[in-house]
Amino acid sequence: MNWTLAAAAPLIVGGLFLATGRIHPAILAYHVLCAVMIFRDQRRIRDWFRWETSTLRWTVGATVLVLGALACGPLIQNPSPDKAVFHRVLFPFGHVRVAFPIFAVYTLLVHAPLEEIFWRAMVMDPGRPERGMILAANALCFGLLHAVPLGLVLGGRGILYALPACGAGALWAFVTFRSRSLWPALVSHWGADAAILAGMWFFFIR
């Protein structure tokens, strides 16, 4: 477990968000951190992009679990009251219907793979033996990364919204360990982000 990287990610996001008052510089700086660290260790990471007979089973299982959990979210808490906050934080310059597709493409093509490879291959280091501690720490730190900006924007309610990220982080760490591949977590992460983007469009834009 790389504790330096695990601490650096939420510190960068929270620090830049507080310093600039905008989330976009914080997200870009976080993505630069992810990209630089991945580039530096690309040879080792490449070994985790294996596809074996069990990989499809782990991929489908993780994706179904995450999408099922996300589908329950609006039934527990209606996100519609946060529409104004969503527009103010993510699209402060207006033109939401133009900017949102760009935001969605960037999320799926850049954010999701960078984040998943960073947390499950760089921070977690799935080749290490102390799996129980790594699973818990990866889930906690991954949840903290989401809790910091959400908490700064929404207060205590935002921290509660970040709790599912802890669960997702634990699941993606677990399937990476068991499958010996990054594909199940990566595909599941893509599915989760696609579902979240669909929810944003439904509740905040349409």
C-alpha atoms as a PDB file:
ATOM      1  CA  MET A   1       0.000   0.000   0.000  1.00  0.00           C
ATOM      2  CA  ASN A   2       1.503   3.292  -1.093  1.00  0.00           C
ATOM      3  CA  TRP A   3       0.407   5.597   1.714  1.00  0.00           C
ATOM      4  CA  THR A   4       2.075   8.648   0.172  1.00  0.00           C
ATOM      5  CA  LEU A   5      -0.040   8.430  -2.980  1.00  0.00           C
ATOM      6  CA  ALA A   6      -3.138   7.513  -0.974  1.00  0.00           C
ATOM      7  CA  ALA A   7      -2.760  10.719   1.064  1.00  0.00           C
ATOM      8  CA  ALA A   8      -1.611  12.918  -1.826  1.00  0.00           C
ATOM      9  CA  ALA A   9      -4.738  12.436  -3.937  1.00  0.00           C
ATOM     10  CA  PRO A  10      -7.367  13.782  -1.470  1.00  0.00           C
ATOM     11  CA  LEU A  11      -4.943  16.479  -0.259  1.00  0.00           C
ATOM     12  CA  ILE A  12      -4.439  17.755  -3.808  1.00  0.00           C
ATOM     13  CA  VAL A  13      -8.160  17.734  -4.565  1.00  0.00           C
ATOM     14  CA  GLY A  14      -9.179  19.369  -1.295  1.00  0.00           C
ATOM     15  CA  GLY A  15      -6.306  21.855  -1.199  1.00  0.00           C
ATOM     16  CA  LEU A  16      -6.785  23.140  -4.744  1.00  0.00           C
ATOM     17  CA  PHE A  17     -10.555  23.245  -4.358  1.00  0.00           C
ATOM     18  CA  LEU A  18     -10.189  25.414  -1.260  1.00  0.00           C
ATOM     19  CA  ALA A  19      -7.479  27.576  -2.842  1.00  0.00           C
ATOM     20  CA  THR A  20      -9.257  28.257  -6.132  1.00  0.00           C
ATOM     21  CA  GLY A  21     -12.891  27.858  -5.195  1.00  0.00           C
ATOM     22  CA  ARG A  22     -13.335  25.685  -8.299  1.00  0.00           C
ATOM     23  CA  ILE A  23     -13.364  21.910  -8.649  1.00  0.00           C
ATOM     24  CA  HIS A  24     -11.932  21.707 -12.177  1.00  0.00           C
ATOM     25  CA  PRO A  25      -8.321  22.692 -11.323  1.00  0.00           C
ATOM     26  CA  ALA A  26      -8.427  20.205  -8.460  1.00  0.00           C
ATOM     27  CA  ILE A  27      -9.650  17.399 -10.725  1.00  0.00           C
ATOM     28  CA  LEU A  28      -7.069  18.190 -13.413  1.00  0.00           C
ATOM     29  CA  ALA A  29      -4.223  18.221 -10.880  1.00  0.00           C
ATOM     30  CA  TYR A  30      -5.417  14.872  -9.516  1.00  0.00           C
ATOM     31  CA  HIS A  31      -5.486  13.437 -13.024  1.00  0.00           C
ATOM     32  CA  VAL A  32      -1.959  14.735 -13.690  1.00  0.00           C
ATOM     33  CA  LEU A  33      -0.783  12.954 -10.522  1.00  0.00           C
ATOM     34  CA  CYS A  34      -2.463   9.736 -11.680  1.00  0.00           C
ATOM     35  CA  ALA A  35      -1.024   9.990 -15.200  1.00  0.00           C
ATOM     36  CA  VAL A  36       2.531  10.757 -14.065  1.00  0.00           C
ATOM     37  CA  MET A  37       2.633   7.889 -11.581  1.00  0.00           C
ATOM     38  CA  ILE A  38       1.152   5.450 -14.093  1.00  0.00           C
ATOM     39  CA  PHE A  39       3.640   6.521 -16.761  1.00  0.00           C
ATOM     40  CA  ARG A  40       6.535   6.072 -14.348  1.00  0.00           C
ATOM     41  CA  ASP A  41       5.529   2.495 -13.522  1.00  0.00           C
ATOM     42  CA  GLN A  42       3.858   1.449 -16.769  1.00  0.00           C
ATOM     43  CA  ARG A  43       5.936  -1.685 -17.228  1.00  0.00           C
ATOM     44  CA  ARG A  44       4.751  -3.222 -13.946  1.00  0.00           C
ATOM     45  CA  ILE A  45       1.170  -2.080 -14.494  1.00  0.00           C
ATOM     46  CA  ARG A  46       1.082  -3.684 -17.929  1.00  0.00           C
ATOM     47  CA  ASP A  47       1.304  -7.105 -16.269  1.00  0.00           C
ATOM     48  CA  TRP A  48      -2.093  -6.517 -14.628  1.00  0.00           C
ATOM     49  CA  PHE A  49      -3.927  -6.147 -17.929  1.00  0.00           C
ATOM     50  CA  ARG A  50      -4.214  -9.889 -18.339  1.00  0.00           C
ATOM     51  CA  TRP A  51      -7.387 -11.632 -19.480  1.00  0.00           C
ATOM     52  CA  GLU A  52      -7.908 -15.195 -18.283  1.00  0.00           C
ATOM     53  CA  THR A  53     -10.844 -17.573 -18.298  1.00  0.00           C
ATOM     54  CA  SER A  54     -12.216 -16.245 -15.010  1.00  0.00           C
ATOM     55  CA  THR A  55     -11.815 -12.555 -15.890  1.00  0.00           C
ATOM     56  CA  LEU A  56     -15.187 -12.291 -17.623  1.00  0.00           C
ATOM     57  CA  ARG A  57     -16.962 -13.781 -14.601  1.00  0.00           C
ATOM     58  CA  TRP A  58     -15.342 -11.298 -12.228  1.00  0.00           C
ATOM     59  CA  THR A  59     -16.060  -8.438 -14.636  1.00  0.00           C
ATOM     60  CA  VAL A  60     -19.759  -9.242 -14.957  1.00  0.00           C
ATOM     61  CA  GLY A  61     -20.155  -9.875 -11.230  1.00  0.00           C
ATOM     62  CA  ALA A  62     -18.492  -6.620 -10.182  1.00  0.00           C
ATOM     63  CA  THR A  63     -20.419  -4.586 -12.751  1.00  0.00           C
ATOM     64  CA  VAL A  64     -23.789  -6.052 -11.771  1.00  0.00           C
ATOM     65  CA  LEU A  65     -23.125  -5.401  -8.066  1.00  0.00           C
ATOM     66  CA  VAL A  66     -22.082  -1.785  -8.612  1.00  0.00           C
ATOM     67  CA  LEU A  67     -24.915  -0.953 -11.004  1.00  0.00           C
ATOM     68  CA  GLY A  68     -27.436  -2.605  -8.699  1.00  0.00           C
ATOM     69  CA  ALA A  69     -26.220  -0.539  -5.751  1.00  0.00           C
ATOM     70  CA  LEU A  70     -26.290   2.683  -7.778  1.00  0.00           C
ATOM     71  CA  ALA A  71     -29.854   1.988  -8.914  1.00  0.00           C
ATOM     72  CA  CYS A  72     -30.933   2.008  -5.266  1.00  0.00           C
ATOM     73  CA  GLY A  73     -29.428   5.459  -4.639  1.00  0.00           C
ATOM     74  CA  PRO A  74     -32.282   7.645  -5.929  1.00  0.00           C
ATOM     75  CA  LEU A  75     -34.749   5.488  -3.990  1.00  0.00           C
ATOM     76  CA  ILE A  76     -32.924   6.325  -0.750  1.00  0.00           C
ATOM     77  CA  GLN A  77     -32.166   9.996  -1.424  1.00  0.00           C
ATOM     78  CA  ASN A  78     -33.714  12.089  -4.192  1.00  0.00           C
ATOM     79  CA  PRO A  79     -30.820  14.065  -5.757  1.00  0.00           C
ATOM     80  CA  SER A  80     -33.057  16.665  -7.446  1.00  0.00           C
ATOM     81  CA  PRO A  81     -32.670  19.291  -4.659  1.00  0.00           C
ATOM     82  CA  ASP A  82     -28.939  19.427  -5.434  1.00  0.00           C
ATOM     83  CA  LYS A  83     -29.508  20.611  -9.004  1.00  0.00           C
ATOM     84  CA  ALA A  84     -28.461  24.209  -8.298  1.00  0.00           C
ATOM     85  CA  VAL A  85     -25.291  23.061  -6.517  1.00  0.00           C
ATOM     86  CA  PHE A  86     -24.471  20.727  -9.415  1.00  0.00           C
ATOM     87  CA  HIS A  87     -24.718  23.576 -11.923  1.00  0.00           C
ATOM     88  CA  ARG A  88     -22.760  25.996  -9.731  1.00  0.00           C
ATOM     89  CA  VAL A  89     -19.862  23.637  -9.036  1.00  0.00           C
ATOM     90  CA  LEU A  90     -19.445  21.730 -12.310  1.00  0.00           C
ATOM     91  CA  PHE A  91     -20.777  24.222 -14.853  1.00  0.00           C
ATOM     92  CA  PRO A  92     -20.317  27.717 -13.397  1.00  0.00           C
ATOM     93  CA  PHE A  93     -20.181  29.352 -16.837  1.00  0.00           C
ATOM     94  CA  GLY A  94     -23.552  28.079 -18.055  1.00  0.00           C
ATOM     95  CA  HIS A  95     -24.178  26.303 -21.360  1.00  0.00           C
ATOM     96  CA  VAL A  96     -24.753  23.060 -19.481  1.00  0.00           C
ATOM     97  CA  ARG A  97     -26.265  21.185 -22.405  1.00  0.00           C
ATOM     98  CA  VAL A  98     -23.147  21.929 -24.460  1.00  0.00           C
ATOM     99  CA  ALA A  99     -20.596  21.315 -21.698  1.00  0.00           C
ATOM    100  CA  PHE A 100     -22.137  18.168 -20.224  1.00  0.00           C
ATOM    101  CA  PRO A 101     -21.402  15.866 -23.210  1.00  0.00           C
ATOM    102  CA  ILE A 102     -17.760  17.031 -23.131  1.00  0.00           C
ATOM    103  CA  PHE A 103     -17.662  16.410 -19.391  1.00  0.00           C
ATOM    104  CA  ALA A 104     -19.170  12.950 -19.898  1.00  0.00           C
ATOM    105  CA  VAL A 105     -16.677  11.944 -22.591  1.00  0.00           C
ATOM    106  CA  TYR A 106     -13.764  13.187 -20.488  1.00  0.00           C
ATOM    107  CA  THR A 107     -15.062  11.271 -17.478  1.00  0.00           C
ATOM    108  CA  LEU A 108     -15.285   7.978 -19.356  1.00  0.00           C
ATOM    109  CA  LEU A 109     -12.140   8.257 -21.488  1.00  0.00           C
ATOM    110  CA  VAL A 110      -9.783   9.956 -19.033  1.00  0.00           C
ATOM    111  CA  HIS A 111     -11.070  10.022 -15.477  1.00  0.00           C
ATOM    112  CA  ALA A 112     -12.301   6.439 -15.078  1.00  0.00           C
ATOM    113  CA  PRO A 113      -9.222   4.607 -16.446  1.00  0.00           C
ATOM    114  CA  LEU A 114      -6.717   6.955 -14.784  1.00  0.00           C
ATOM    115  CA  GLU A 115      -8.449   6.678 -11.427  1.00  0.00           C
ATOM    116  CA  GLU A 116      -8.889   2.922 -11.527  1.00  0.00           C
ATOM    117  CA  ILE A 117      -5.330   2.132 -12.609  1.00  0.00           C
ATOM    118  CA  PHE A 118      -3.944   4.622 -10.076  1.00  0.00           C
ATOM    119  CA  TRP A 119      -5.878   3.284  -7.085  1.00  0.00           C
ATOM    120  CA  ARG A 120      -5.870  -0.419  -7.841  1.00  0.00           C
ATOM    121  CA  ALA A 121      -2.382  -0.806  -9.373  1.00  0.00           C
ATOM    122  CA  MET A 122      -0.332   2.098  -7.988  1.00  0.00           C
ATOM    123  CA  VAL A 123      -1.786   2.787  -4.542  1.00  0.00           C
ATOM    124  CA  MET A 124      -2.930  -0.722  -3.698  1.00  0.00           C
ATOM    125  CA  ASP A 125      -0.035  -2.643  -5.321  1.00  0.00           C
ATOM    126  CA  PRO A 126      -2.029  -5.896  -5.731  1.00  0.00           C
ATOM    127  CA  GLY A 127       1.106  -8.013  -5.716  1.00  0.00           C
ATOM    128  CA  ARG A 128       1.658  -7.416  -1.999  1.00  0.00           C
ATOM    129  CA  PRO A 129       0.676 -10.160   0.481  1.00  0.00           C
ATOM    130  CA  GLU A 130      -1.048  -8.174   3.283  1.00  0.00           C
ATOM    131  CA  ARG A 131      -4.403  -8.153   1.517  1.00  0.00           C
ATOM    132  CA  GLY A 132      -6.822  -7.535   4.376  1.00  0.00           C
ATOM    133  CA  MET A 133      -5.180  -4.307   5.468  1.00  0.00           C
ATOM    134  CA  ILE A 134      -4.724  -3.156   1.873  1.00  0.00           C
ATOM    135  CA  LEU A 135      -8.393  -3.767   1.038  1.00  0.00           C
ATOM    136  CA  ALA A 136      -9.561  -1.730   4.027  1.00  0.00           C
ATOM    137  CA  ALA A 137      -7.051   1.069   3.468  1.00  0.00           C
ATOM    138  CA  ASN A 138      -7.768   1.293  -0.256  1.00  0.00           C
ATOM    139  CA  ALA A 139     -11.499   1.522   0.380  1.00  0.00           C
ATOM    140  CA  LEU A 140     -11.045   4.142   3.121  1.00  0.00           C
ATOM    141  CA  CYS A 141      -8.673   6.366   1.130  1.00  0.00           C
ATOM    142  CA  PHE A 142     -10.706   6.041  -2.069  1.00  0.00           C
ATOM    143  CA  GLY A 143     -13.791   7.065  -0.115  1.00  0.00           C
ATOM    144  CA  LEU A 144     -11.882   9.974   1.437  1.00  0.00           C
ATOM    145  CA  LEU A 145     -10.950  11.225  -2.033  1.00  0.00           C
ATOM    146  CA  HIS A 146     -14.661  11.582  -2.814  1.00  0.00           C
ATOM    147  CA  ALA A 147     -15.674  12.725   0.674  1.00  0.00           C
ATOM    148  CA  VAL A 148     -13.351  15.754   0.630  1.00  0.00           C
ATOM    149  CA  PRO A 149     -14.910  17.648  -2.321  1.00  0.00           C
ATOM    150  CA  LEU A 150     -18.437  16.446  -1.572  1.00  0.00           C
ATOM    151  CA  GLY A 151     -18.069  17.473   2.055  1.00  0.00           C
ATOM    152  CA  LEU A 152     -16.735  20.897   1.085  1.00  0.00           C
ATOM    153  CA  VAL A 153     -19.727  21.444  -1.213  1.00  0.00           C
ATOM    154  CA  LEU A 154     -22.576  19.768   0.674  1.00  0.00           C
ATOM    155  CA  GLY A 155     -21.334  19.460   4.248  1.00  0.00           C
ATOM    156  CA  GLY A 156     -22.259  16.357   6.203  1.00  0.00           C
ATOM    157  CA  ARG A 157     -24.680  15.215   3.529  1.00  0.00           C
ATOM    158  CA  GLY A 158     -21.842  15.189   1.020  1.00  0.00           C
ATOM    159  CA  ILE A 159     -19.759  12.952   3.275  1.00  0.00           C
ATOM    160  CA  LEU A 160     -22.667  10.514   3.431  1.00  0.00           C
ATOM    161  CA  TYR A 161     -22.870  10.602  -0.363  1.00  0.00           C
ATOM    162  CA  ALA A 162     -19.224   9.512  -0.460  1.00  0.00           C
ATOM    163  CA  LEU A 163     -19.845   6.329   1.540  1.00  0.00           C
ATOM    164  CA  PRO A 164     -20.760   4.287  -1.581  1.00  0.00           C
ATOM    165  CA  ALA A 165     -17.311   5.164  -2.960  1.00  0.00           C
ATOM    166  CA  CYS A 166     -15.817   3.299   0.007  1.00  0.00           C
ATOM    167  CA  GLY A 167     -17.877   0.258  -0.883  1.00  0.00           C
ATOM    168  CA  ALA A 168     -16.950   0.509  -4.547  1.00  0.00           C
ATOM    169  CA  GLY A 169     -13.286   0.896  -3.648  1.00  0.00           C
ATOM    170  CA  ALA A 170     -13.426  -2.222  -1.483  1.00  0.00           C
ATOM    171  CA  LEU A 171     -15.183  -4.208  -4.208  1.00  0.00           C
ATOM    172  CA  TRP A 172     -12.783  -3.108  -6.944  1.00  0.00           C
ATOM    173  CA  ALA A 173      -9.779  -3.859  -4.755  1.00  0.00           C
ATOM    174  CA  PHE A 174     -11.193  -7.294  -3.920  1.00  0.00           C
ATOM    175  CA  VAL A 175     -11.894  -8.285  -7.530  1.00  0.00           C
ATOM    176  CA  THR A 176      -8.457  -7.063  -8.580  1.00  0.00           C
ATOM    177  CA  PHE A 177      -6.858  -9.305  -5.977  1.00  0.00           C
ATOM    178  CA  ARG A 178      -8.999 -12.326  -6.830  1.00  0.00           C
ATOM    179  CA  SER A 179      -8.964 -12.008 -10.622  1.00  0.00           C
ATOM    180  CA  ARG A 180      -5.304 -10.937 -10.819  1.00  0.00           C
ATOM    181  CA  SER A 181      -6.426  -8.444 -13.446  1.00  0.00           C
ATOM    182  CA  LEU A 182      -7.411  -4.784 -13.627  1.00  0.00           C
ATOM    183  CA  TRP A 183     -10.125  -5.426 -16.221  1.00  0.00           C
ATOM    184  CA  PRO A 184     -12.997  -6.365 -13.853  1.00  0.00           C
ATOM    185  CA  ALA A 185     -12.558  -3.239 -11.745  1.00  0.00           C
ATOM    186  CA  LEU A 186     -11.951  -1.027 -14.770  1.00  0.00           C
ATOM    187  CA  VAL A 187     -15.021  -2.201 -16.708  1.00  0.00           C
ATOM    188  CA  SER A 188     -17.138  -1.982 -13.556  1.00  0.00           C
ATOM    189  CA  HIS A 189     -15.831   1.543 -12.932  1.00  0.00           C
ATOM    190  CA  TRP A 190     -16.768   2.528 -16.478  1.00  0.00           C
ATOM    191  CA  GLY A 191     -20.258   1.153 -15.891  1.00  0.00           C
ATOM    192  CA  ALA A 192     -20.588   3.021 -12.596  1.00  0.00           C
ATOM    193  CA  ASP A 193     -19.481   6.337 -14.087  1.00  0.00           C
ATOM    194  CA  ALA A 194     -21.780   5.874 -17.085  1.00  0.00           C
ATOM    195  CA  ALA A 195     -24.703   5.250 -14.707  1.00  0.00           C
ATOM    196  CA  ILE A 196     -23.810   8.303 -12.608  1.00  0.00           C
ATOM    197  CA  LEU A 197     -23.598  10.460 -15.731  1.00  0.00           C
ATOM    198  CA  ALA A 198     -26.987   9.171 -16.846  1.00  0.00           C
ATOM    199  CA  GLY A 199     -28.371  10.082 -13.425  1.00  0.00           C
ATOM    200  CA  MET A 200     -26.867  13.572 -13.670  1.00  0.00           C
ATOM    201  CA  TRP A 201     -28.565  14.099 -17.003  1.00  0.00           C
ATOM    202  CA  PHE A 202     -31.910  12.801 -15.743  1.00  0.00           C
ATOM    203  CA  PHE A 203     -32.023  14.718 -12.455  1.00  0.00           C
ATOM    204  CA  PHE A 204     -30.044  17.870 -13.211  1.00  0.00           C
ATOM    205  CA  ILE A 205     -30.125  18.692 -16.935  1.00  0.00           C
ATOM    206  CA  ARG A 206     -33.039  17.335 -18.945  1.00  0.00           C
END
